[in-house]
Every structure is written in structure tokens, then in C-alpha cells.
Amino acid sequence: MHGRQFANRMNASYFDGGLAPGVIDRISLLPVDREDARVFVERMFRSMRNSGFVATDLSLLQADILAALISRLLPGNWIGRCRHTS
């Protein structure tokens, strides 16, 4: 799946197609090859829908954070950087 396909699927599934084109463009930059990033964003969007969040309230800044920052903070990006010690 490509980033654009993922963004369009999230838009249709959780926002009834109401996300702004710029938001979709930014979400399309999410590294969808990483399962942890896809799952995190999908859970977040599901929670937003369940809470009554309106698609037009998702800003470009929030979309940028999702696409660029979140994937860097998730454990899938930690390989070789963190290790557990007893």
C-alpha cells in the first residue's frame, strides 16, 4: 500500500471523505511500510471519529506531526538505539 492509498482509506473510513486535500497530502508522507506507524494513526483516527471529532478540525500541523514525527517516536524506529538491561 502506498501513502496516498492509506491516507485516502483513512479519510473515507474515519472522516467520511471530509479531510482537506492538504491534510491528505501530508498524511500520504507517513511511512506506511512500518506497521507500527500505520496502526498508531489508524487507532488515533478511530478514536477521533468515536469522540465526534470533525474532519475540518484536523490541521496541517497535526497532519505534519503524524507524518513526520510520530513514526520517529515509535518503537519500530528504535532498533539498535535502545537496549534493555537487567
PDB file of N, CA and C in Angstrom:
ATOM      1  N   MET A   1       0.852  -1.181   0.000  1.00  0.00           N
ATOM      2  CA  MET A   1       0.000   0.000   0.000  1.00  0.00           C
ATOM      3  C   MET A   1       0.893   1.238   0.000  1.00  0.00           C
ATOM      4  N   HIS A   2       0.499   2.209  -0.771  1.00  0.00           N
ATOM      5  CA  HIS A   2       1.221   3.472  -0.845  1.00  0.00           C
ATOM      6  C   HIS A   2       0.627   4.461   0.149  1.00  0.00           C
ATOM      7  N   GLY A   3       1.395   5.492   0.470  1.00  0.00           N
ATOM      8  CA  GLY A   3       0.952   6.500   1.415  1.00  0.00           C
ATOM      9  C   GLY A   3      -0.351   7.173   1.017  1.00  0.00           C
ATOM     10  N   ARG A   4      -0.506   7.452  -0.268  1.00  0.00           N
ATOM     11  CA  ARG A   4      -1.727   8.107  -0.749  1.00  0.00           C
ATOM     12  C   ARG A   4      -2.932   7.181  -0.581  1.00  0.00           C
ATOM     13  N   GLN A   5      -2.749   5.905  -0.864  1.00  0.00           N
ATOM     14  CA  GLN A   5      -3.839   4.940  -0.676  1.00  0.00           C
ATOM     15  C   GLN A   5      -4.242   4.862   0.790  1.00  0.00           C
ATOM     16  N   PHE A   6      -3.251   4.826   1.661  1.00  0.00           N
ATOM     17  CA  PHE A   6      -3.524   4.771   3.094  1.00  0.00           C
ATOM     18  C   PHE A   6      -4.282   6.018   3.540  1.00  0.00           C
ATOM     19  N   ALA A   7      -3.809   7.186   3.126  1.00  0.00           N
ATOM     20  CA  ALA A   7      -4.458   8.442   3.513  1.00  0.00           C
ATOM     21  C   ALA A   7      -5.900   8.494   3.009  1.00  0.00           C
ATOM     22  N   ASN A   8      -6.118   8.072   1.778  1.00  0.00           N
ATOM     23  CA  ASN A   8      -7.476   8.074   1.226  1.00  0.00           C
ATOM     24  C   ASN A   8      -8.377   7.085   1.961  1.00  0.00           C
ATOM     25  N   ARG A   9      -7.821   5.933   2.329  1.00  0.00           N
ATOM     26  CA  ARG A   9      -8.613   4.946   3.076  1.00  0.00           C
ATOM     27  C   ARG A   9      -8.971   5.471   4.458  1.00  0.00           C
ATOM     28  N   MET A  10      -8.026   6.128   5.146  1.00  0.00           N
ATOM     29  CA  MET A  10      -8.305   6.707   6.457  1.00  0.00           C
ATOM     30  C   MET A  10      -9.363   7.805   6.346  1.00  0.00           C
ATOM     31  N   ASN A  11      -9.250   8.619   5.310  1.00  0.00           N
ATOM     32  CA  ASN A  11     -10.202   9.698   5.093  1.00  0.00           C
ATOM     33  C   ASN A  11     -11.610   9.145   4.890  1.00  0.00           C
ATOM     34  N   ALA A  12     -11.727   8.122   4.066  1.00  0.00           N
ATOM     35  CA  ALA A  12     -13.045   7.535   3.799  1.00  0.00           C
ATOM     36  C   ALA A  12     -13.595   6.808   5.021  1.00  0.00           C
ATOM     37  N   SER A  13     -12.741   6.079   5.710  1.00  0.00           N
ATOM     38  CA  SER A  13     -13.193   5.250   6.833  1.00  0.00           C
ATOM     39  C   SER A  13     -13.553   6.047   8.076  1.00  0.00           C
ATOM     40  N   TYR A  14     -12.796   7.082   8.373  1.00  0.00           N
ATOM     41  CA  TYR A  14     -12.950   7.762   9.659  1.00  0.00           C
ATOM     42  C   TYR A  14     -13.456   9.200   9.573  1.00  0.00           C
ATOM     43  N   PHE A  15     -13.413   9.791   8.374  1.00  0.00           N
ATOM     44  CA  PHE A  15     -13.818  11.193   8.255  1.00  0.00           C
ATOM     45  C   PHE A  15     -14.846  11.417   7.138  1.00  0.00           C
ATOM     46  N   ASP A  16     -15.423  10.337   6.630  1.00  0.00           N
ATOM     47  CA  ASP A  16     -16.425  10.430   5.554  1.00  0.00           C
ATOM     48  C   ASP A  16     -15.953  11.286   4.384  1.00  0.00           C
ATOM     49  N   GLY A  17     -14.649  11.218   4.095  1.00  0.00           N
ATOM     50  CA  GLY A  17     -14.087  11.956   2.969  1.00  0.00           C
ATOM     51  C   GLY A  17     -13.924  13.440   3.211  1.00  0.00           C
ATOM     52  N   GLY A  18     -14.009  13.878   4.466  1.00  0.00           N
ATOM     53  CA  GLY A  18     -14.007  15.302   4.775  1.00  0.00           C
ATOM     54  C   GLY A  18     -12.668  15.952   5.037  1.00  0.00           C
ATOM     55  N   LEU A  19     -11.574  15.197   4.998  1.00  0.00           N
ATOM     56  CA  LEU A  19     -10.267  15.819   5.247  1.00  0.00           C
ATOM     57  C   LEU A  19      -9.883  16.740   4.098  1.00  0.00           C
ATOM     58  N   ALA A  20      -9.230  17.824   4.433  1.00  0.00           N
ATOM     59  CA  ALA A  20      -8.761  18.773   3.426  1.00  0.00           C
ATOM     60  C   ALA A  20      -7.683  18.124   2.553  1.00  0.00           C
ATOM     61  N   PRO A  21      -7.609  18.501   1.278  1.00  0.00           N
ATOM     62  CA  PRO A  21      -6.586  17.933   0.388  1.00  0.00           C
ATOM     63  C   PRO A  21      -5.162  18.086   0.933  1.00  0.00           C
ATOM     64  N   GLY A  22      -4.860  19.220   1.549  1.00  0.00           N
ATOM     65  CA  GLY A  22      -3.522  19.420   2.118  1.00  0.00           C
ATOM     66  C   GLY A  22      -3.221  18.453   3.249  1.00  0.00           C
ATOM     67  N   VAL A  23      -4.227  18.142   4.042  1.00  0.00           N
ATOM     68  CA  VAL A  23      -4.058  17.169   5.139  1.00  0.00           C
ATOM     69  C   VAL A  23      -3.783  15.790   4.553  1.00  0.00           C
ATOM     70  N   ILE A  24      -4.524  15.426   3.530  1.00  0.00           N
ATOM     71  CA  ILE A  24      -4.304  14.126   2.882  1.00  0.00           C
ATOM     72  C   ILE A  24      -2.905  14.061   2.289  1.00  0.00           C
ATOM     73  N   ASP A  25      -2.458  15.154   1.668  1.00  0.00           N
ATOM     74  CA  ASP A  25      -1.101  15.200   1.104  1.00  0.00           C
ATOM     75  C   ASP A  25      -0.062  14.917   2.173  1.00  0.00           C
ATOM     76  N   ARG A  26      -0.223  15.525   3.333  1.00  0.00           N
ATOM     77  CA  ARG A  26       0.761  15.350   4.401  1.00  0.00           C
ATOM     78  C   ARG A  26       0.696  13.954   5.014  1.00  0.00           C
ATOM     79  N   ILE A  27      -0.502  13.439   5.222  1.00  0.00           N
ATOM     80  CA  ILE A  27      -0.647  12.084   5.773  1.00  0.00           C
ATOM     81  C   ILE A  27      -0.084  11.057   4.793  1.00  0.00           C
ATOM     82  N   SER A  28      -0.125  11.371   3.517  1.00  0.00           N
ATOM     83  CA  SER A  28       0.428  10.473   2.498  1.00  0.00           C
ATOM     84  C   SER A  28       1.926  10.267   2.668  1.00  0.00           C
ATOM     85  N   LEU A  29       2.583  11.151   3.390  1.00  0.00           N
ATOM     86  CA  LEU A  29       4.029  11.044   3.614  1.00  0.00           C
ATOM     87  C   LEU A  29       4.378  10.087   4.747  1.00  0.00           C
ATOM     88  N   LEU A  30       3.372   9.588   5.449  1.00  0.00           N
ATOM     89  CA  LEU A  30       3.604   8.633   6.527  1.00  0.00           C
ATOM     90  C   LEU A  30       4.308   7.396   5.980  1.00  0.00           C
ATOM     91  N   PRO A  31       5.317   6.884   6.685  1.00  0.00           N
ATOM     92  CA  PRO A  31       5.989   5.674   6.209  1.00  0.00           C
ATOM     93  C   PRO A  31       5.092   4.444   6.401  1.00  0.00           C
ATOM     94  N   VAL A  32       4.219   4.194   5.434  1.00  0.00           N
ATOM     95  CA  VAL A  32       3.226   3.127   5.565  1.00  0.00           C
ATOM     96  C   VAL A  32       3.838   1.738   5.497  1.00  0.00           C
ATOM     97  N   ASP A  33       5.113   1.644   5.177  1.00  0.00           N
ATOM     98  CA  ASP A  33       5.777   0.349   5.210  1.00  0.00           C
ATOM     99  C   ASP A  33       6.001  -0.116   6.652  1.00  0.00           C
ATOM    100  N   ARG A  34       5.848   0.792   7.604  1.00  0.00           N
ATOM    101  CA  ARG A  34       6.007   0.446   9.024  1.00  0.00           C
ATOM    102  C   ARG A  34       4.642   0.203   9.650  1.00  0.00           C
ATOM    103  N   GLU A  35       4.426  -1.013  10.087  1.00  0.00           N
ATOM    104  CA  GLU A  35       3.142  -1.385  10.679  1.00  0.00           C
ATOM    105  C   GLU A  35       2.828  -0.559  11.918  1.00  0.00           C
ATOM    106  N   ASP A  36       3.828  -0.299  12.769  1.00  0.00           N
ATOM    107  CA  ASP A  36       3.555   0.446  13.999  1.00  0.00           C
ATOM    108  C   ASP A  36       3.025   1.843  13.699  1.00  0.00           C
ATOM    109  N   ALA A  37       3.535   2.496  12.665  1.00  0.00           N
ATOM    110  CA  ALA A  37       3.063   3.828  12.296  1.00  0.00           C
ATOM    111  C   ALA A  37       1.635   3.776  11.757  1.00  0.00           C
ATOM    112  N   ARG A  38       1.362   2.793  10.879  1.00  0.00           N
ATOM    113  CA  ARG A  38       0.006   2.651  10.335  1.00  0.00           C
ATOM    114  C   ARG A  38      -1.004   2.386  11.445  1.00  0.00           C
ATOM    115  N   VAL A  39      -0.687   1.461  12.345  1.00  0.00           N
ATOM    116  CA  VAL A  39      -1.604   1.088  13.426  1.00  0.00           C
ATOM    117  C   VAL A  39      -1.839   2.274  14.359  1.00  0.00           C
ATOM    118  N   PHE A  40      -0.787   3.006  14.689  1.00  0.00           N
ATOM    119  CA  PHE A  40      -0.926   4.161  15.577  1.00  0.00           C
ATOM    120  C   PHE A  40      -1.880   5.189  14.987  1.00  0.00           C
ATOM    121  N   VAL A  41      -1.663   5.534  13.721  1.00  0.00           N
ATOM    122  CA  VAL A  41      -2.501   6.553  13.077  1.00  0.00           C
ATOM    123  C   VAL A  41      -3.940   6.056  12.947  1.00  0.00           C
ATOM    124  N   GLU A  42      -4.113   4.799  12.587  1.00  0.00           N
ATOM    125  CA  GLU A  42      -5.478   4.278  12.456  1.00  0.00           C
ATOM    126  C   GLU A  42      -6.206   4.290  13.798  1.00  0.00           C
ATOM    127  N   ARG A  43      -5.532   3.914  14.875  1.00  0.00           N
ATOM    128  CA  ARG A  43      -6.161   3.976  16.204  1.00  0.00           C
ATOM    129  C   ARG A  43      -6.507   5.406  16.584  1.00  0.00           C
ATOM    130  N   MET A  44      -5.616   6.317  16.271  1.00  0.00           N
ATOM    131  CA  MET A  44      -5.870   7.719  16.582  1.00  0.00           C
ATOM    132  C   MET A  44      -7.094   8.222  15.821  1.00  0.00           C
ATOM    133  N   PHE A  45      -7.171   7.910  14.534  1.00  0.00           N
ATOM    134  CA  PHE A  45      -8.312   8.346  13.731  1.00  0.00           C
ATOM    135  C   PHE A  45      -9.609   7.688  14.204  1.00  0.00           C
ATOM    136  N   ARG A  46      -9.545   6.427  14.594  1.00  0.00           N
ATOM    137  CA  ARG A  46     -10.731   5.752  15.126  1.00  0.00           C
ATOM    138  C   ARG A  46     -11.209   6.437  16.399  1.00  0.00           C
ATOM    139  N   SER A  47     -10.281   6.788  17.259  1.00  0.00           N
ATOM    140  CA  SER A  47     -10.639   7.493  18.497  1.00  0.00           C
ATOM    141  C   SER A  47     -11.225   8.872  18.195  1.00  0.00           C
ATOM    142  N   MET A  48     -10.663   9.542  17.201  1.00  0.00           N
ATOM    143  CA  MET A  48     -11.177  10.848  16.818  1.00  0.00           C
ATOM    144  C   MET A  48     -12.620  10.728  16.326  1.00  0.00           C
ATOM    145  N   ARG A  49     -12.872   9.736  15.474  1.00  0.00           N
ATOM    146  CA  ARG A  49     -14.231   9.547  14.962  1.00  0.00           C
ATOM    147  C   ARG A  49     -15.191   9.227  16.101  1.00  0.00           C
ATOM    148  N   ASN A  50     -14.778   8.320  17.001  1.00  0.00           N
ATOM    149  CA  ASN A  50     -15.647   7.920  18.108  1.00  0.00           C
ATOM    150  C   ASN A  50     -15.948   9.066  19.065  1.00  0.00           C
ATOM    151  N   SER A  51     -15.056  10.039  19.122  1.00  0.00           N
ATOM    152  CA  SER A  51     -15.273  11.179  20.018  1.00  0.00           C
ATOM    153  C   SER A  51     -16.048  12.314  19.357  1.00  0.00           C
ATOM    154  N   GLY A  52     -16.368  12.157  18.073  1.00  0.00           N
ATOM    155  CA  GLY A  52     -17.123  13.189  17.376  1.00  0.00           C
ATOM    156  C   GLY A  52     -16.256  14.267  16.743  1.00  0.00           C
ATOM    157  N   PHE A  53     -14.963  14.005  16.600  1.00  0.00           N
ATOM    158  CA  PHE A  53     -14.035  14.951  16.000  1.00  0.00           C
ATOM    159  C   PHE A  53     -14.467  15.255  14.562  1.00  0.00           C
ATOM    160  N   VAL A  54     -14.449  16.511  14.185  1.00  0.00           N
ATOM    161  CA  VAL A  54     -14.844  16.943  12.846  1.00  0.00           C
ATOM    162  C   VAL A  54     -13.602  16.992  11.952  1.00  0.00           C
ATOM    163  N   ALA A  55     -13.706  16.439  10.762  1.00  0.00           N
ATOM    164  CA  ALA A  55     -12.566  16.353   9.838  1.00  0.00           C
ATOM    165  C   ALA A  55     -11.917  17.703   9.591  1.00  0.00           C
ATOM    166  N   THR A  56     -12.700  18.740   9.513  1.00  0.00           N
ATOM    167  CA  THR A  56     -12.145  20.065   9.218  1.00  0.00           C
ATOM    168  C   THR A  56     -11.323  20.623  10.380  1.00  0.00           C
ATOM    169  N   ASP A  57     -11.391  19.984  11.528  1.00  0.00           N
ATOM    170  CA  ASP A  57     -10.584  20.430  12.671  1.00  0.00           C
ATOM    171  C   ASP A  57      -9.182  19.824  12.674  1.00  0.00           C
ATOM    172  N   LEU A  58      -8.894  18.901  11.773  1.00  0.00           N
ATOM    173  CA  LEU A  58      -7.550  18.326  11.679  1.00  0.00           C
ATOM    174  C   LEU A  58      -6.694  19.296  10.864  1.00  0.00           C
ATOM    175  N   SER A  59      -5.730  19.916  11.526  1.00  0.00           N
ATOM    176  CA  SER A  59      -4.931  20.963  10.880  1.00  0.00           C
ATOM    177  C   SER A  59      -3.765  20.385  10.093  1.00  0.00           C
ATOM    178  N   LEU A  60      -3.187  21.230   9.260  1.00  0.00           N
ATOM    179  CA  LEU A  60      -1.997  20.835   8.509  1.00  0.00           C
ATOM    180  C   LEU A  60      -0.843  20.512   9.450  1.00  0.00           C
ATOM    181  N   LEU A  61      -0.725  21.254  10.538  1.00  0.00           N
ATOM    182  CA  LEU A  61       0.332  20.994  11.513  1.00  0.00           C
ATOM    183  C   LEU A  61       0.161  19.614  12.144  1.00  0.00           C
ATOM    184  N   GLN A  62      -1.063  19.258  12.519  1.00  0.00           N
ATOM    185  CA  GLN A  62      -1.302  17.936  13.083  1.00  0.00           C
ATOM    186  C   GLN A  62      -0.961  16.846  12.074  1.00  0.00           C
ATOM    187  N   ALA A  63      -1.324  17.050  10.828  1.00  0.00           N
ATOM    188  CA  ALA A  63      -1.010  16.076   9.786  1.00  0.00           C
ATOM    189  C   ALA A  63       0.498  15.961   9.582  1.00  0.00           C
ATOM    190  N   ASP A  64       1.206  17.086   9.640  1.00  0.00           N
ATOM    191  CA  ASP A  64       2.673  17.066   9.536  1.00  0.00           C
ATOM    192  C   ASP A  64       3.288  16.272  10.672  1.00  0.00           C
ATOM    193  N   ILE A  65       2.784  16.484  11.872  1.00  0.00           N
ATOM    194  CA  ILE A  65       3.297  15.764  13.040  1.00  0.00           C
ATOM    195  C   ILE A  65       3.069  14.267  12.878  1.00  0.00           C
ATOM    196  N   LEU A  66       1.879  13.888  12.437  1.00  0.00           N
ATOM    197  CA  LEU A  66       1.593  12.474  12.223  1.00  0.00           C
ATOM    198  C   LEU A  66       2.544  11.860  11.199  1.00  0.00           C
ATOM    199  N   ALA A  67       2.740  12.553  10.100  1.00  0.00           N
ATOM    200  CA  ALA A  67       3.539  12.004   9.007  1.00  0.00           C
ATOM    201  C   ALA A  67       5.032  11.980   9.309  1.00  0.00           C
ATOM    202  N   ALA A  68       5.529  12.992   9.984  1.00  0.00           N
ATOM    203  CA  ALA A  68       6.972  13.124  10.151  1.00  0.00           C
ATOM    204  C   ALA A  68       7.482  12.755  11.532  1.00  0.00           C
ATOM    205  N   LEU A  69       6.773  13.133  12.554  1.00  0.00           N
ATOM    206  CA  LEU A  69       7.305  12.979  13.909  1.00  0.00           C
ATOM    207  C   LEU A  69       6.909  11.670  14.574  1.00  0.00           C
ATOM    208  N   ILE A  70       5.653  11.293  14.457  1.00  0.00           N
ATOM    209  CA  ILE A  70       5.166  10.116  15.172  1.00  0.00           C
ATOM    210  C   ILE A  70       5.977   8.879  14.822  1.00  0.00           C
ATOM    211  N   SER A  71       6.247   8.657  13.545  1.00  0.00           N
ATOM    212  CA  SER A  71       6.985   7.453  13.152  1.00  0.00           C
ATOM    213  C   SER A  71       8.395   7.429  13.732  1.00  0.00           C
ATOM    214  N   ARG A  72       8.952   8.585  14.034  1.00  0.00           N
ATOM    215  CA  ARG A  72      10.288   8.639  14.640  1.00  0.00           C
ATOM    216  C   ARG A  72      10.260   8.304  16.132  1.00  0.00           C
ATOM    217  N   LEU A  73       9.106   8.467  16.748  1.00  0.00           N
ATOM    218  CA  LEU A  73       8.992   8.227  18.185  1.00  0.00           C
ATOM    219  C   LEU A  73       8.562   6.804  18.534  1.00  0.00           C
ATOM    220  N   LEU A  74       8.022   6.085  17.570  1.00  0.00           N
ATOM    221  CA  LEU A  74       7.510   4.742  17.837  1.00  0.00           C
ATOM    222  C   LEU A  74       8.644   3.719  17.904  1.00  0.00           C
ATOM    223  N   PRO A  75       8.433   2.632  18.637  1.00  0.00           N
ATOM    224  CA  PRO A  75       9.483   1.623  18.843  1.00  0.00           C
ATOM    225  C   PRO A  75      10.097   1.053  17.567  1.00  0.00           C
ATOM    226  N   GLY A  76       9.374   1.023  16.476  1.00  0.00           N
ATOM    227  CA  GLY A  76       9.933   0.494  15.232  1.00  0.00           C
ATOM    228  C   GLY A  76      11.155   1.249  14.751  1.00  0.00           C
ATOM    229  N   ASN A  77      11.354   2.439  15.240  1.00  0.00           N
ATOM    230  CA  ASN A  77      12.498   3.263  14.859  1.00  0.00           C
ATOM    231  C   ASN A  77      13.647   3.154  15.854  1.00  0.00           C
ATOM    232  N   TRP A  78      13.469   2.387  16.914  1.00  0.00           N
ATOM    233  CA  TRP A  78      14.478   2.314  17.970  1.00  0.00           C
ATOM    234  C   TRP A  78      15.538   1.243  17.733  1.00  0.00           C
ATOM    235  N   ILE A  79      15.378   0.421  16.745  1.00  0.00           N
ATOM    236  CA  ILE A  79      16.246  -0.732  16.540  1.00  0.00           C
ATOM    237  C   ILE A  79      17.709  -0.297  16.590  1.00  0.00           C
ATOM    238  N   GLY A  80      18.451  -0.916  17.499  1.00  0.00           N
ATOM    239  CA  GLY A  80      19.863  -0.625  17.638  1.00  0.00           C
ATOM    240  C   GLY A  80      20.172   0.611  18.463  1.00  0.00           C
ATOM    241  N   ARG A  81      19.170   1.358  18.870  1.00  0.00           N
ATOM    242  CA  ARG A  81      19.425   2.575  19.629  1.00  0.00           C
ATOM    243  C   ARG A  81      19.174   2.404  21.116  1.00  0.00           C
ATOM    244  N   CYS A  82      18.241   1.539  21.438  1.00  0.00           N
ATOM    245  CA  CYS A  82      17.891   1.306  22.834  1.00  0.00           C
ATOM    246  C   CYS A  82      18.057  -0.171  23.135  1.00  0.00           C
ATOM    247  N   ARG A  83      18.500  -0.457  24.296  1.00  0.00           N
ATOM    248  CA  ARG A  83      18.564  -1.862  24.667  1.00  0.00           C
ATOM    249  C   ARG A  83      18.167  -1.992  26.118  1.00  0.00           C
ATOM    250  N   HIS A  84      17.574  -3.100  26.394  1.00  0.00           N
ATOM    251  CA  HIS A  84      17.103  -3.374  27.742  1.00  0.00           C
ATOM    252  C   HIS A  84      18.235  -4.006  28.533  1.00  0.00           C
ATOM    253  N   THR A  85      18.464  -3.511  29.720  1.00  0.00           N
ATOM    254  CA  THR A  85      19.481  -4.108  30.589  1.00  0.00           C
ATOM    255  C   THR A  85      18.802  -4.542  31.880  1.00  0.00           C
ATOM    256  N   SER A  86      19.304  -5.577  32.429  1.00  0.00           N
ATOM    257  CA  SER A  86      18.726  -6.093  33.678  1.00  0.00           C
ATOM    258  C   SER A  86      19.477  -5.584  34.872  1.00  0.00           C
TER     259      SER A  86
END
